[in-house]
Structures are given as structure tokens and as C-alpha cells.
Amino acid sequence: MPEFAVKTPPQHAEWSDLLEVWRTADDIEIFSEAWNFDHFYPLTPPADGPCLEGWTTLAALAQATKRIRIGSMVTGMHYRHPAVTANMAVTLDIISGGRFNLGLGAGWFEPESKAYGIPLGTMKERMDRFDEGVEIIVSLLKNETTTFDGSFYQLTDARCEPKPLQQPTPPIVIGGKGEKRTLRTVARFADYWDGMFQPDPSDWVRLNEILVGHCAQVGRDPAEIRRSIHLRWAVDDDPAELADDAMRFGEVGVDVVVFSMRGPYLASLVESFVYLIQSAA
């Protein structure tokens, strides 16, 4: 049976509801992880609705929980300089007592990038910048100093202190489905690959085979990489069907099924889930 995680995008939601859902999940051992996202605009209508900033809410949720692992699925590389992200990651790891997963992605949501004047770039530029950023973050977390001369970022004897509680780094989680670039970056750097939303286990199996191939090319044991997918979870979804879908992904090798909730965020929905999984197992 796979592990289970809950994800609450902080959009169209009250802080009190997010807090209650995370505290409830923290009390239910069937959930091993809890996630939010890194966006400034909602991803679901209405587009002009409220959206809390992900990393600051994550810091508060780290203090509000005790057991569950936490993270942002995933952090857009183009929103912040990777040195800033590295320092933020260390701080979250310390605040959470070593429960932090560092989710990273190339970035994709054009409306908020355009509105805020944050350059997104072409797909090639995004991936080139992402590769540089991941390499910098890993180096800053591991090493005493980092010097880097890239096309997007330049660092000279850069430090990131203190070091994280989790050594050598918090788990690096890379999300995406890009077969040529993203999955190769996963093979090079990630402790954890999130395959995002998947319509069917067979689609995930094909992508996983591509990842295994990239691991062989870079000399990496694919068994070292934890794997997850997302399933949408709304109040009006058939809970039995959702539980069955989760089990089907577990049967093909997915380690963690992330239930991405759609508002309203109800702690009672989280509480009821444990019984559904037990009946489907």
C-alpha cells in the first residue's frame, strides 16, 4: 500500500480552514506528508480570488504541526534567486525540526509571472535556468562555499549558514513530466520525483521507465528516488472510487499518493479518509 499525503493549495480559502486540515492530518498517521503550492494567483476560478503566499504559510504550518512532513509542491525556480530559496529551505528545515521536503520546479504559470513582471522565458530558458538553480541550491546546502558561473546565475564564494538539520540536504523533490529535460534533472539531483496529475497508472509507468533510463545514463540507482503522483480530491468526489484509484497507483510502484484537495477545505473530509483506505486495502 502506498503512503498518503494531503495537499491544500492556499487559494480561495480561509487560513483557519487550512490550519484545521493540517492539524487533523498531522493527527492521523495514515498521512505521512502535507503540501501546499507556490503561486500568487489562484489556479482555479475565479482568477481574481484570494491566494495566500505559500512559503510564509508553510512556516506557520510547520509550527502548527508536530509529526507530518511538510513542503511546497513545487517552488517555481524563476520566482526567487536560488540562493534565496536555499536559505529559506534551511530555515524551514530548522523550524520544522527536520520535517521539510524541498519541492522544486521550473515554473509555468504565465498570468502571475506576466502581471508581476517576473520573466518566465521560453521552455528551453526555463529548463536551463532550472538546471542551474537546482545545482546551486544543492551546492549551497551541502558545501561551505559555492562559486558558480552560469548563464542565469553567478555566485562567488557564496555561503548558506547554518546548514539544514537533515544531512546532507532536505529531500529534494522535483515535479514534472518532461521526458527529455525534467526527468533527466530528477535522475541527477532528486531524492523524490512527483509525477503530478496522472490520468491512468499506465501513463505513469511509461514515464517511470523513462526516468529509469535517465538514471542508467547518469549512473544512478533508480531505487534511491521516491515517487509520487497527484489525485484531485473534492467534496463531491466518490470517495470509494478515489481510494481505489490510489491503490491502483500503489500497485504499479508509486510510493506516495498526494490528494490535492479542492475547497472547501474540511477537516471532517480528512478524518473520514482513513476508513475509506482501510476498506480499499
C-alpha atoms as a PDB file:
ATOM      1  CA  MET A   1       0.000   0.000   0.000  1.00  0.00           C
ATOM      2  CA  PRO A   2       1.349   3.463  -0.843  1.00  0.00           C
ATOM      3  CA  GLU A   3       1.757   6.245   1.650  1.00  0.00           C
ATOM      4  CA  PHE A   4      -0.694   9.138   1.529  1.00  0.00           C
ATOM      5  CA  ALA A   5      -0.330  12.887   1.587  1.00  0.00           C
ATOM      6  CA  VAL A   6      -2.726  15.800   1.622  1.00  0.00           C
ATOM      7  CA  LYS A   7      -2.249  18.976  -0.412  1.00  0.00           C
ATOM      8  CA  THR A   8      -4.113  22.206   0.251  1.00  0.00           C
ATOM      9  CA  PRO A   9      -3.406  24.895  -2.345  1.00  0.00           C
ATOM     10  CA  PRO A  10      -3.843  28.113  -0.328  1.00  0.00           C
ATOM     11  CA  GLN A  11      -6.333  29.582  -2.815  1.00  0.00           C
ATOM     12  CA  HIS A  12      -9.955  30.575  -2.237  1.00  0.00           C
ATOM     13  CA  ALA A  13      -9.518  29.505   1.390  1.00  0.00           C
ATOM     14  CA  GLU A  14      -9.517  30.849   4.922  1.00  0.00           C
ATOM     15  CA  TRP A  15      -6.353  30.467   6.971  1.00  0.00           C
ATOM     16  CA  SER A  16      -8.350  28.878   9.783  1.00  0.00           C
ATOM     17  CA  ASP A  17      -9.572  26.108   7.442  1.00  0.00           C
ATOM     18  CA  LEU A  18      -6.069  25.365   6.175  1.00  0.00           C
ATOM     19  CA  LEU A  19      -4.788  25.231   9.728  1.00  0.00           C
ATOM     20  CA  GLU A  20      -7.519  22.834  10.837  1.00  0.00           C
ATOM     21  CA  VAL A  21      -6.952  20.477   7.887  1.00  0.00           C
ATOM     22  CA  TRP A  22      -3.198  20.306   8.506  1.00  0.00           C
ATOM     23  CA  ARG A  23      -3.597  19.737  12.228  1.00  0.00           C
ATOM     24  CA  THR A  24      -6.123  16.991  11.517  1.00  0.00           C
ATOM     25  CA  ALA A  25      -3.802  15.301   9.004  1.00  0.00           C
ATOM     26  CA  ASP A  26      -0.962  15.588  11.491  1.00  0.00           C
ATOM     27  CA  ASP A  27      -3.035  13.601  13.998  1.00  0.00           C
ATOM     28  CA  ILE A  28      -3.854  10.810  11.527  1.00  0.00           C
ATOM     29  CA  GLU A  29      -0.846   8.575  10.964  1.00  0.00           C
ATOM     30  CA  ILE A  30      -2.065   7.320   7.595  1.00  0.00           C
ATOM     31  CA  PHE A  31      -0.939  10.684   6.204  1.00  0.00           C
ATOM     32  CA  SER A  32       2.848  10.958   6.007  1.00  0.00           C
ATOM     33  CA  GLU A  33       3.082  14.345   4.268  1.00  0.00           C
ATOM     34  CA  ALA A  34       1.257  17.631   3.785  1.00  0.00           C
ATOM     35  CA  TRP A  35       1.853  20.075   0.940  1.00  0.00           C
ATOM     36  CA  ASN A  36       0.792  23.476  -0.311  1.00  0.00           C
ATOM     37  CA  PHE A  37       1.851  25.249  -3.528  1.00  0.00           C
ATOM     38  CA  ASP A  38       3.987  28.182  -4.647  1.00  0.00           C
ATOM     39  CA  HIS A  39       1.731  30.562  -6.559  1.00  0.00           C
ATOM     40  CA  PHE A  40       0.480  34.111  -6.099  1.00  0.00           C
ATOM     41  CA  TYR A  41      -2.684  33.820  -8.202  1.00  0.00           C
ATOM     42  CA  PRO A  42      -5.287  31.056  -7.892  1.00  0.00           C
ATOM     43  CA  LEU A  43      -5.001  28.236 -10.407  1.00  0.00           C
ATOM     44  CA  THR A  44      -8.757  27.624 -10.349  1.00  0.00           C
ATOM     45  CA  PRO A  45     -11.568  30.143 -10.997  1.00  0.00           C
ATOM     46  CA  PRO A  46     -12.214  32.848 -10.139  1.00  0.00           C
ATOM     47  CA  ALA A  47      -8.830  34.112 -11.282  1.00  0.00           C
ATOM     48  CA  ASP A  48      -9.138  37.276  -9.181  1.00  0.00           C
ATOM     49  CA  GLY A  49      -9.782  35.346  -5.967  1.00  0.00           C
ATOM     50  CA  PRO A  50      -7.549  35.286  -2.893  1.00  0.00           C
ATOM     51  CA  CYS A  51      -4.350  33.259  -2.702  1.00  0.00           C
ATOM     52  CA  LEU A  52      -2.118  33.147   0.362  1.00  0.00           C
ATOM     53  CA  GLU A  53       1.647  33.082  -0.207  1.00  0.00           C
ATOM     54  CA  GLY A  54       2.905  29.516   0.088  1.00  0.00           C
ATOM     55  CA  TRP A  55       6.249  29.750   1.890  1.00  0.00           C
ATOM     56  CA  THR A  56       5.088  32.071   4.665  1.00  0.00           C
ATOM     57  CA  THR A  57       2.014  29.921   5.307  1.00  0.00           C
ATOM     58  CA  LEU A  58       4.316  26.881   5.301  1.00  0.00           C
ATOM     59  CA  ALA A  59       6.430  28.391   8.068  1.00  0.00           C
ATOM     60  CA  ALA A  60       3.302  28.893  10.175  1.00  0.00           C
ATOM     61  CA  LEU A  61       2.075  25.359   9.424  1.00  0.00           C
ATOM     62  CA  ALA A  62       5.466  23.964  10.430  1.00  0.00           C
ATOM     63  CA  GLN A  63       4.890  25.365  13.906  1.00  0.00           C
ATOM     64  CA  ALA A  64       1.295  24.165  13.978  1.00  0.00           C
ATOM     65  CA  THR A  65       2.231  20.510  13.290  1.00  0.00           C
ATOM     66  CA  LYS A  66       4.468  18.002  15.026  1.00  0.00           C
ATOM     67  CA  ARG A  67       4.771  14.769  13.032  1.00  0.00           C
ATOM     68  CA  ILE A  68       3.863  15.137   9.389  1.00  0.00           C
ATOM     69  CA  ARG A  69       6.465  16.021   6.766  1.00  0.00           C
ATOM     70  CA  ILE A  70       5.801  19.341   5.043  1.00  0.00           C
ATOM     71  CA  GLY A  71       6.658  21.128   1.820  1.00  0.00           C
ATOM     72  CA  SER A  72       5.592  23.254  -1.136  1.00  0.00           C
ATOM     73  CA  MET A  73       4.747  21.220  -4.255  1.00  0.00           C
ATOM     74  CA  VAL A  74       6.590  22.791  -6.016  1.00  0.00           C
ATOM     75  CA  THR A  75       8.623  26.001  -5.776  1.00  0.00           C
ATOM     76  CA  GLY A  76       8.928  27.919  -9.054  1.00  0.00           C
ATOM     77  CA  MET A  77      12.631  28.486  -9.708  1.00  0.00           C
ATOM     78  CA  HIS A  78      12.043  31.757 -11.547  1.00  0.00           C
ATOM     79  CA  TYR A  79      10.290  33.468  -8.635  1.00  0.00           C
ATOM     80  CA  ARG A  80      13.418  33.741  -6.462  1.00  0.00           C
ATOM     81  CA  HIS A  81      17.167  33.585  -6.820  1.00  0.00           C
ATOM     82  CA  PRO A  82      18.231  30.017  -5.920  1.00  0.00           C
ATOM     83  CA  ALA A  83      20.453  31.340  -3.132  1.00  0.00           C
ATOM     84  CA  VAL A  84      17.366  32.891  -1.531  1.00  0.00           C
ATOM     85  CA  THR A  85      15.470  29.608  -1.911  1.00  0.00           C
ATOM     86  CA  ALA A  86      18.359  27.705  -0.316  1.00  0.00           C
ATOM     87  CA  ASN A  87      18.341  29.983   2.726  1.00  0.00           C
ATOM     88  CA  MET A  88      14.570  29.718   3.005  1.00  0.00           C
ATOM     89  CA  ALA A  89      14.825  25.922   2.828  1.00  0.00           C
ATOM     90  CA  VAL A  90      17.326  25.758   5.686  1.00  0.00           C
ATOM     91  CA  THR A  91      15.100  27.970   7.804  1.00  0.00           C
ATOM     92  CA  LEU A  92      12.033  25.788   7.143  1.00  0.00           C
ATOM     93  CA  ASP A  93      14.011  22.646   7.910  1.00  0.00           C
ATOM     94  CA  ILE A  94      15.075  24.055  11.266  1.00  0.00           C
ATOM     95  CA  ILE A  95      11.635  25.461  12.143  1.00  0.00           C
ATOM     96  CA  SER A  96      10.003  22.120  11.346  1.00  0.00           C
ATOM     97  CA  GLY A  97      12.514  20.096  13.306  1.00  0.00           C
ATOM     98  CA  GLY A  98      13.828  18.331  10.205  1.00  0.00           C
ATOM     99  CA  ARG A  99      10.440  17.554   8.596  1.00  0.00           C
ATOM    100  CA  PHE A 100      10.877  19.664   5.468  1.00  0.00           C
ATOM    101  CA  ASN A 101      10.822  18.436   1.850  1.00  0.00           C
ATOM    102  CA  LEU A 102      12.208  20.910  -0.698  1.00  0.00           C
ATOM    103  CA  GLY A 103       9.943  20.860  -3.769  1.00  0.00           C
ATOM    104  CA  LEU A 104      11.392  22.459  -6.903  1.00  0.00           C
ATOM    105  CA  GLY A 105      10.029  23.094 -10.395  1.00  0.00           C
ATOM    106  CA  ALA A 106      10.918  25.147 -13.448  1.00  0.00           C
ATOM    107  CA  GLY A 107       7.819  27.379 -13.254  1.00  0.00           C
ATOM    108  CA  TRP A 108       4.975  27.567 -15.731  1.00  0.00           C
ATOM    109  CA  PHE A 109       2.072  29.820 -14.717  1.00  0.00           C
ATOM    110  CA  GLU A 110       2.221  32.746 -17.112  1.00  0.00           C
ATOM    111  CA  PRO A 111      -0.579  35.011 -15.759  1.00  0.00           C
ATOM    112  CA  GLU A 112       1.091  35.764 -12.425  1.00  0.00           C
ATOM    113  CA  SER A 113       4.559  35.973 -13.975  1.00  0.00           C
ATOM    114  CA  LYS A 114       3.349  38.474 -16.568  1.00  0.00           C
ATOM    115  CA  ALA A 115       1.356  40.506 -14.047  1.00  0.00           C
ATOM    116  CA  TYR A 116       4.305  40.849 -11.665  1.00  0.00           C
ATOM    117  CA  GLY A 117       6.931  41.383 -14.359  1.00  0.00           C
ATOM    118  CA  ILE A 118       8.806  38.203 -13.435  1.00  0.00           C
ATOM    119  CA  PRO A 119      10.485  36.835 -16.592  1.00  0.00           C
ATOM    120  CA  LEU A 120       9.322  33.308 -17.360  1.00  0.00           C
ATOM    121  CA  GLY A 121      11.095  32.737 -20.658  1.00  0.00           C
ATOM    122  CA  THR A 122      10.831  30.062 -23.297  1.00  0.00           C
ATOM    123  CA  MET A 123      10.616  26.412 -22.328  1.00  0.00           C
ATOM    124  CA  LYS A 124      14.332  25.966 -23.058  1.00  0.00           C
ATOM    125  CA  GLU A 125      15.204  29.018 -20.955  1.00  0.00           C
ATOM    126  CA  ARG A 126      13.054  27.732 -18.092  1.00  0.00           C
ATOM    127  CA  MET A 127      14.741  24.346 -18.129  1.00  0.00           C
ATOM    128  CA  ASP A 128      18.258  25.764 -18.479  1.00  0.00           C
ATOM    129  CA  ARG A 129      17.580  28.132 -15.571  1.00  0.00           C
ATOM    130  CA  PHE A 130      16.056  25.288 -13.551  1.00  0.00           C
ATOM    131  CA  ASP A 131      19.083  23.041 -14.025  1.00  0.00           C
ATOM    132  CA  GLU A 132      21.395  25.841 -12.895  1.00  0.00           C
ATOM    133  CA  GLY A 133      19.174  26.660  -9.937  1.00  0.00           C
ATOM    134  CA  VAL A 134      18.925  23.096  -8.653  1.00  0.00           C
ATOM    135  CA  GLU A 135      22.706  22.664  -8.884  1.00  0.00           C
ATOM    136  CA  ILE A 136      23.251  25.900  -6.946  1.00  0.00           C
ATOM    137  CA  ILE A 137      20.756  25.046  -4.215  1.00  0.00           C
ATOM    138  CA  VAL A 138      22.217  21.584  -3.653  1.00  0.00           C
ATOM    139  CA  SER A 139      25.734  23.005  -3.515  1.00  0.00           C
ATOM    140  CA  LEU A 140      24.805  25.776  -1.072  1.00  0.00           C
ATOM    141  CA  LEU A 141      23.082  23.303   1.251  1.00  0.00           C
ATOM    142  CA  LYS A 142      25.992  20.846   1.185  1.00  0.00           C
ATOM    143  CA  ASN A 143      29.154  22.895   0.872  1.00  0.00           C
ATOM    144  CA  GLU A 144      30.897  25.568   2.884  1.00  0.00           C
ATOM    145  CA  THR A 145      31.137  27.881  -0.128  1.00  0.00           C
ATOM    146  CA  THR A 146      29.773  27.832  -3.683  1.00  0.00           C
ATOM    147  CA  THR A 147      31.181  29.518  -6.770  1.00  0.00           C
ATOM    148  CA  PHE A 148      29.091  29.220  -9.914  1.00  0.00           C
ATOM    149  CA  ASP A 149      29.299  30.903 -13.305  1.00  0.00           C
ATOM    150  CA  GLY A 150      26.207  30.125 -15.343  1.00  0.00           C
ATOM    151  CA  SER A 151      24.095  31.781 -17.996  1.00  0.00           C
ATOM    152  CA  PHE A 152      21.419  32.792 -15.476  1.00  0.00           C
ATOM    153  CA  TYR A 153      23.178  32.839 -12.095  1.00  0.00           C
ATOM    154  CA  GLN A 154      26.618  33.769 -10.854  1.00  0.00           C
ATOM    155  CA  LEU A 155      27.854  33.165  -7.305  1.00  0.00           C
ATOM    156  CA  THR A 156      31.272  33.853  -5.788  1.00  0.00           C
ATOM    157  CA  ASP A 157      32.334  32.144  -2.564  1.00  0.00           C
ATOM    158  CA  ALA A 158      28.673  32.144  -1.526  1.00  0.00           C
ATOM    159  CA  ARG A 159      27.711  30.756   1.879  1.00  0.00           C
ATOM    160  CA  CYS A 160      24.472  29.363   3.263  1.00  0.00           C
ATOM    161  CA  GLU A 161      24.609  29.033   7.044  1.00  0.00           C
ATOM    162  CA  PRO A 162      23.516  27.347   9.165  1.00  0.00           C
ATOM    163  CA  LYS A 163      23.250  24.003   7.403  1.00  0.00           C
ATOM    164  CA  PRO A 164      19.937  22.104   7.448  1.00  0.00           C
ATOM    165  CA  LEU A 165      19.099  19.607  10.155  1.00  0.00           C
ATOM    166  CA  GLN A 166      18.636  16.917   7.514  1.00  0.00           C
ATOM    167  CA  GLN A 167      22.016  15.990   6.100  1.00  0.00           C
ATOM    168  CA  PRO A 168      23.307  16.440   3.546  1.00  0.00           C
ATOM    169  CA  THR A 169      20.111  18.222   2.420  1.00  0.00           C
ATOM    170  CA  PRO A 170      16.376  18.048   2.980  1.00  0.00           C
ATOM    171  CA  PRO A 171      14.883  15.670   0.416  1.00  0.00           C
ATOM    172  CA  ILE A 172      14.980  17.360  -3.000  1.00  0.00           C
ATOM    173  CA  VAL A 173      11.584  16.904  -4.663  1.00  0.00           C
ATOM    174  CA  ILE A 174      11.349  17.684  -8.374  1.00  0.00           C
ATOM    175  CA  GLY A 175       7.948  17.788 -10.018  1.00  0.00           C
ATOM    176  CA  GLY A 176       7.163  17.423 -13.687  1.00  0.00           C
ATOM    177  CA  LYS A 177       6.633  15.137 -16.663  1.00  0.00           C
ATOM    178  CA  GLY A 178       9.144  16.456 -19.195  1.00  0.00           C
ATOM    179  CA  GLU A 179      10.685  13.352 -20.681  1.00  0.00           C
ATOM    180  CA  LYS A 180      13.943  14.832 -22.010  1.00  0.00           C
ATOM    181  CA  ARG A 181      14.864  17.525 -19.504  1.00  0.00           C
ATOM    182  CA  THR A 182      12.816  17.287 -16.295  1.00  0.00           C
ATOM    183  CA  LEU A 183      13.246  13.561 -15.781  1.00  0.00           C
ATOM    184  CA  ARG A 184      16.961  13.819 -16.505  1.00  0.00           C
ATOM    185  CA  THR A 185      17.262  16.515 -13.823  1.00  0.00           C
ATOM    186  CA  VAL A 186      15.347  14.201 -11.478  1.00  0.00           C
ATOM    187  CA  ALA A 187      17.878  11.458 -12.176  1.00  0.00           C
ATOM    188  CA  ARG A 188      20.779  13.814 -11.470  1.00  0.00           C
ATOM    189  CA  PHE A 189      19.594  15.564  -8.331  1.00  0.00           C
ATOM    190  CA  ALA A 190      16.263  14.435  -6.878  1.00  0.00           C
ATOM    191  CA  ASP A 191      15.550  12.296  -3.851  1.00  0.00           C
ATOM    192  CA  TYR A 192      11.881  12.324  -4.795  1.00  0.00           C
ATOM    193  CA  TRP A 193      10.035  12.647  -8.104  1.00  0.00           C
ATOM    194  CA  ASP A 194       6.471  13.935  -8.245  1.00  0.00           C
ATOM    195  CA  GLY A 195       4.747  12.875 -11.463  1.00  0.00           C
ATOM    196  CA  MET A 196       1.938  15.399 -10.882  1.00  0.00           C
ATOM    197  CA  PHE A 197      -1.596  14.543 -12.001  1.00  0.00           C
ATOM    198  CA  GLN A 198      -1.838  11.251 -13.872  1.00  0.00           C
ATOM    199  CA  PRO A 199      -4.948  10.036 -15.733  1.00  0.00           C
ATOM    200  CA  ASP A 200      -4.034   6.366 -15.549  1.00  0.00           C
ATOM    201  CA  PRO A 201      -1.342   4.170 -13.948  1.00  0.00           C
ATOM    202  CA  SER A 202      -0.128   3.067 -17.404  1.00  0.00           C
ATOM    203  CA  ASP A 203       0.861   6.662 -18.223  1.00  0.00           C
ATOM    204  CA  TRP A 204       2.875   6.848 -15.025  1.00  0.00           C
ATOM    205  CA  VAL A 205       4.549   3.505 -15.722  1.00  0.00           C
ATOM    206  CA  ARG A 206       5.770   4.804 -19.098  1.00  0.00           C
ATOM    207  CA  LEU A 207       7.232   7.956 -17.546  1.00  0.00           C
ATOM    208  CA  ASN A 208       8.828   5.920 -14.780  1.00  0.00           C
ATOM    209  CA  GLU A 209      10.547   3.729 -17.383  1.00  0.00           C
ATOM    210  CA  ILE A 210      11.967   6.879 -18.981  1.00  0.00           C
ATOM    211  CA  LEU A 211      13.235   8.012 -15.579  1.00  0.00           C
ATOM    212  CA  VAL A 212      14.910   4.634 -15.060  1.00  0.00           C
ATOM    213  CA  GLY A 213      16.647   5.121 -18.402  1.00  0.00           C
ATOM    214  CA  HIS A 214      17.945   8.549 -17.376  1.00  0.00           C
ATOM    215  CA  CYS A 215      19.190   7.076 -14.097  1.00  0.00           C
ATOM    216  CA  ALA A 216      21.175   4.468 -16.033  1.00  0.00           C
ATOM    217  CA  GLN A 217      22.759   7.206 -18.159  1.00  0.00           C
ATOM    218  CA  VAL A 218      23.948   9.187 -15.123  1.00  0.00           C
ATOM    219  CA  GLY A 219      24.914   6.170 -13.031  1.00  0.00           C
ATOM    220  CA  ARG A 220      22.108   6.497 -10.503  1.00  0.00           C
ATOM    221  CA  ASP A 221      20.205   3.702  -8.784  1.00  0.00           C
ATOM    222  CA  PRO A 222      16.517   4.480  -9.553  1.00  0.00           C
ATOM    223  CA  ALA A 223      15.515   2.758  -6.310  1.00  0.00           C
ATOM    224  CA  GLU A 224      17.019   5.734  -4.455  1.00  0.00           C
ATOM    225  CA  ILE A 225      14.265   8.007  -5.775  1.00  0.00           C
ATOM    226  CA  ARG A 226      10.903   8.206  -4.036  1.00  0.00           C
ATOM    227  CA  ARG A 227       7.914   8.589  -6.382  1.00  0.00           C
ATOM    228  CA  SER A 228       4.543  10.307  -6.008  1.00  0.00           C
ATOM    229  CA  ILE A 229       1.531  11.307  -8.086  1.00  0.00           C
ATOM    230  CA  HIS A 230      -1.445  13.624  -7.508  1.00  0.00           C
ATOM    231  CA  LEU A 231      -5.128  12.785  -7.389  1.00  0.00           C
ATOM    232  CA  ARG A 232      -7.759  15.525  -7.225  1.00  0.00           C
ATOM    233  CA  TRP A 233      -9.942  15.363  -4.119  1.00  0.00           C
ATOM    234  CA  ALA A 234     -13.134  17.427  -3.959  1.00  0.00           C
ATOM    235  CA  VAL A 235     -16.110  17.270  -1.619  1.00  0.00           C
ATOM    236  CA  ASP A 236     -18.372  15.832  -4.320  1.00  0.00           C
ATOM    237  CA  ASP A 237     -15.916  13.132  -5.485  1.00  0.00           C
ATOM    238  CA  ASP A 238     -16.832   9.487  -4.967  1.00  0.00           C
ATOM    239  CA  PRO A 239     -14.587   8.623  -2.001  1.00  0.00           C
ATOM    240  CA  ALA A 240     -14.607   4.874  -2.697  1.00  0.00           C
ATOM    241  CA  GLU A 241     -13.503   5.457  -6.291  1.00  0.00           C
ATOM    242  CA  LEU A 242     -10.773   7.808  -5.100  1.00  0.00           C
ATOM    243  CA  ALA A 243      -9.460   5.216  -2.665  1.00  0.00           C
ATOM    244  CA  ASP A 244      -9.477   2.551  -5.394  1.00  0.00           C
ATOM    245  CA  ASP A 245      -7.542   4.846  -7.745  1.00  0.00           C
ATOM    246  CA  ALA A 246      -4.926   5.403  -5.054  1.00  0.00           C
ATOM    247  CA  MET A 247      -4.482   1.674  -4.586  1.00  0.00           C
ATOM    248  CA  ARG A 248      -4.091   1.099  -8.322  1.00  0.00           C
ATOM    249  CA  PHE A 249      -1.207   3.549  -8.449  1.00  0.00           C
ATOM    250  CA  GLY A 250       0.355   1.880  -5.435  1.00  0.00           C
ATOM    251  CA  GLU A 251       0.241  -1.460  -7.226  1.00  0.00           C
ATOM    252  CA  VAL A 252       2.441  -0.183 -10.080  1.00  0.00           C
ATOM    253  CA  GLY A 253       5.112   1.283  -7.805  1.00  0.00           C
ATOM    254  CA  VAL A 254       4.000   4.756  -6.703  1.00  0.00           C
ATOM    255  CA  ASP A 255       5.320   5.376  -3.183  1.00  0.00           C
ATOM    256  CA  VAL A 256       3.098   8.309  -2.222  1.00  0.00           C
ATOM    257  CA  VAL A 257      -0.353   9.350  -3.438  1.00  0.00           C
ATOM    258  CA  VAL A 258      -0.897  13.076  -2.900  1.00  0.00           C
ATOM    259  CA  PHE A 259      -4.557  14.018  -2.561  1.00  0.00           C
ATOM    260  CA  SER A 260      -4.821  17.565  -3.863  1.00  0.00           C
ATOM    261  CA  MET A 261      -7.886  18.989  -2.176  1.00  0.00           C
ATOM    262  CA  ARG A 262     -10.356  21.358  -3.795  1.00  0.00           C
ATOM    263  CA  GLY A 263     -12.164  23.721  -1.484  1.00  0.00           C
ATOM    264  CA  PRO A 264     -13.929  23.975   0.757  1.00  0.00           C
ATOM    265  CA  TYR A 265     -11.208  22.524   2.987  1.00  0.00           C
ATOM    266  CA  LEU A 266     -12.982  20.382   5.553  1.00  0.00           C
ATOM    267  CA  ALA A 267     -11.199  18.613   8.377  1.00  0.00           C
ATOM    268  CA  SER A 268     -14.106  16.162   8.517  1.00  0.00           C
ATOM    269  CA  LEU A 269     -13.267  15.042   4.970  1.00  0.00           C
ATOM    270  CA  VAL A 270      -9.714  14.251   6.060  1.00  0.00           C
ATOM    271  CA  GLU A 271     -10.959  12.394   9.120  1.00  0.00           C
ATOM    272  CA  SER A 272     -13.244  10.185   7.042  1.00  0.00           C
ATOM    273  CA  PHE A 273     -10.500   9.205   4.647  1.00  0.00           C
ATOM    274  CA  VAL A 274      -8.807   6.718   6.952  1.00  0.00           C
ATOM    275  CA  TYR A 275     -11.872   4.463   6.875  1.00  0.00           C
ATOM    276  CA  LEU A 276     -12.035   4.534   3.076  1.00  0.00           C
ATOM    277  CA  ILE A 277      -8.409   3.479   2.723  1.00  0.00           C
ATOM    278  CA  GLN A 278      -8.796   0.698   5.239  1.00  0.00           C
ATOM    279  CA  SER A 279     -11.773  -0.658   3.308  1.00  0.00           C
ATOM    280  CA  ALA A 280      -9.948  -0.453  -0.030  1.00  0.00           C
ATOM    281  CA  ALA A 281      -6.732  -2.076   1.224  1.00  0.00           C
END
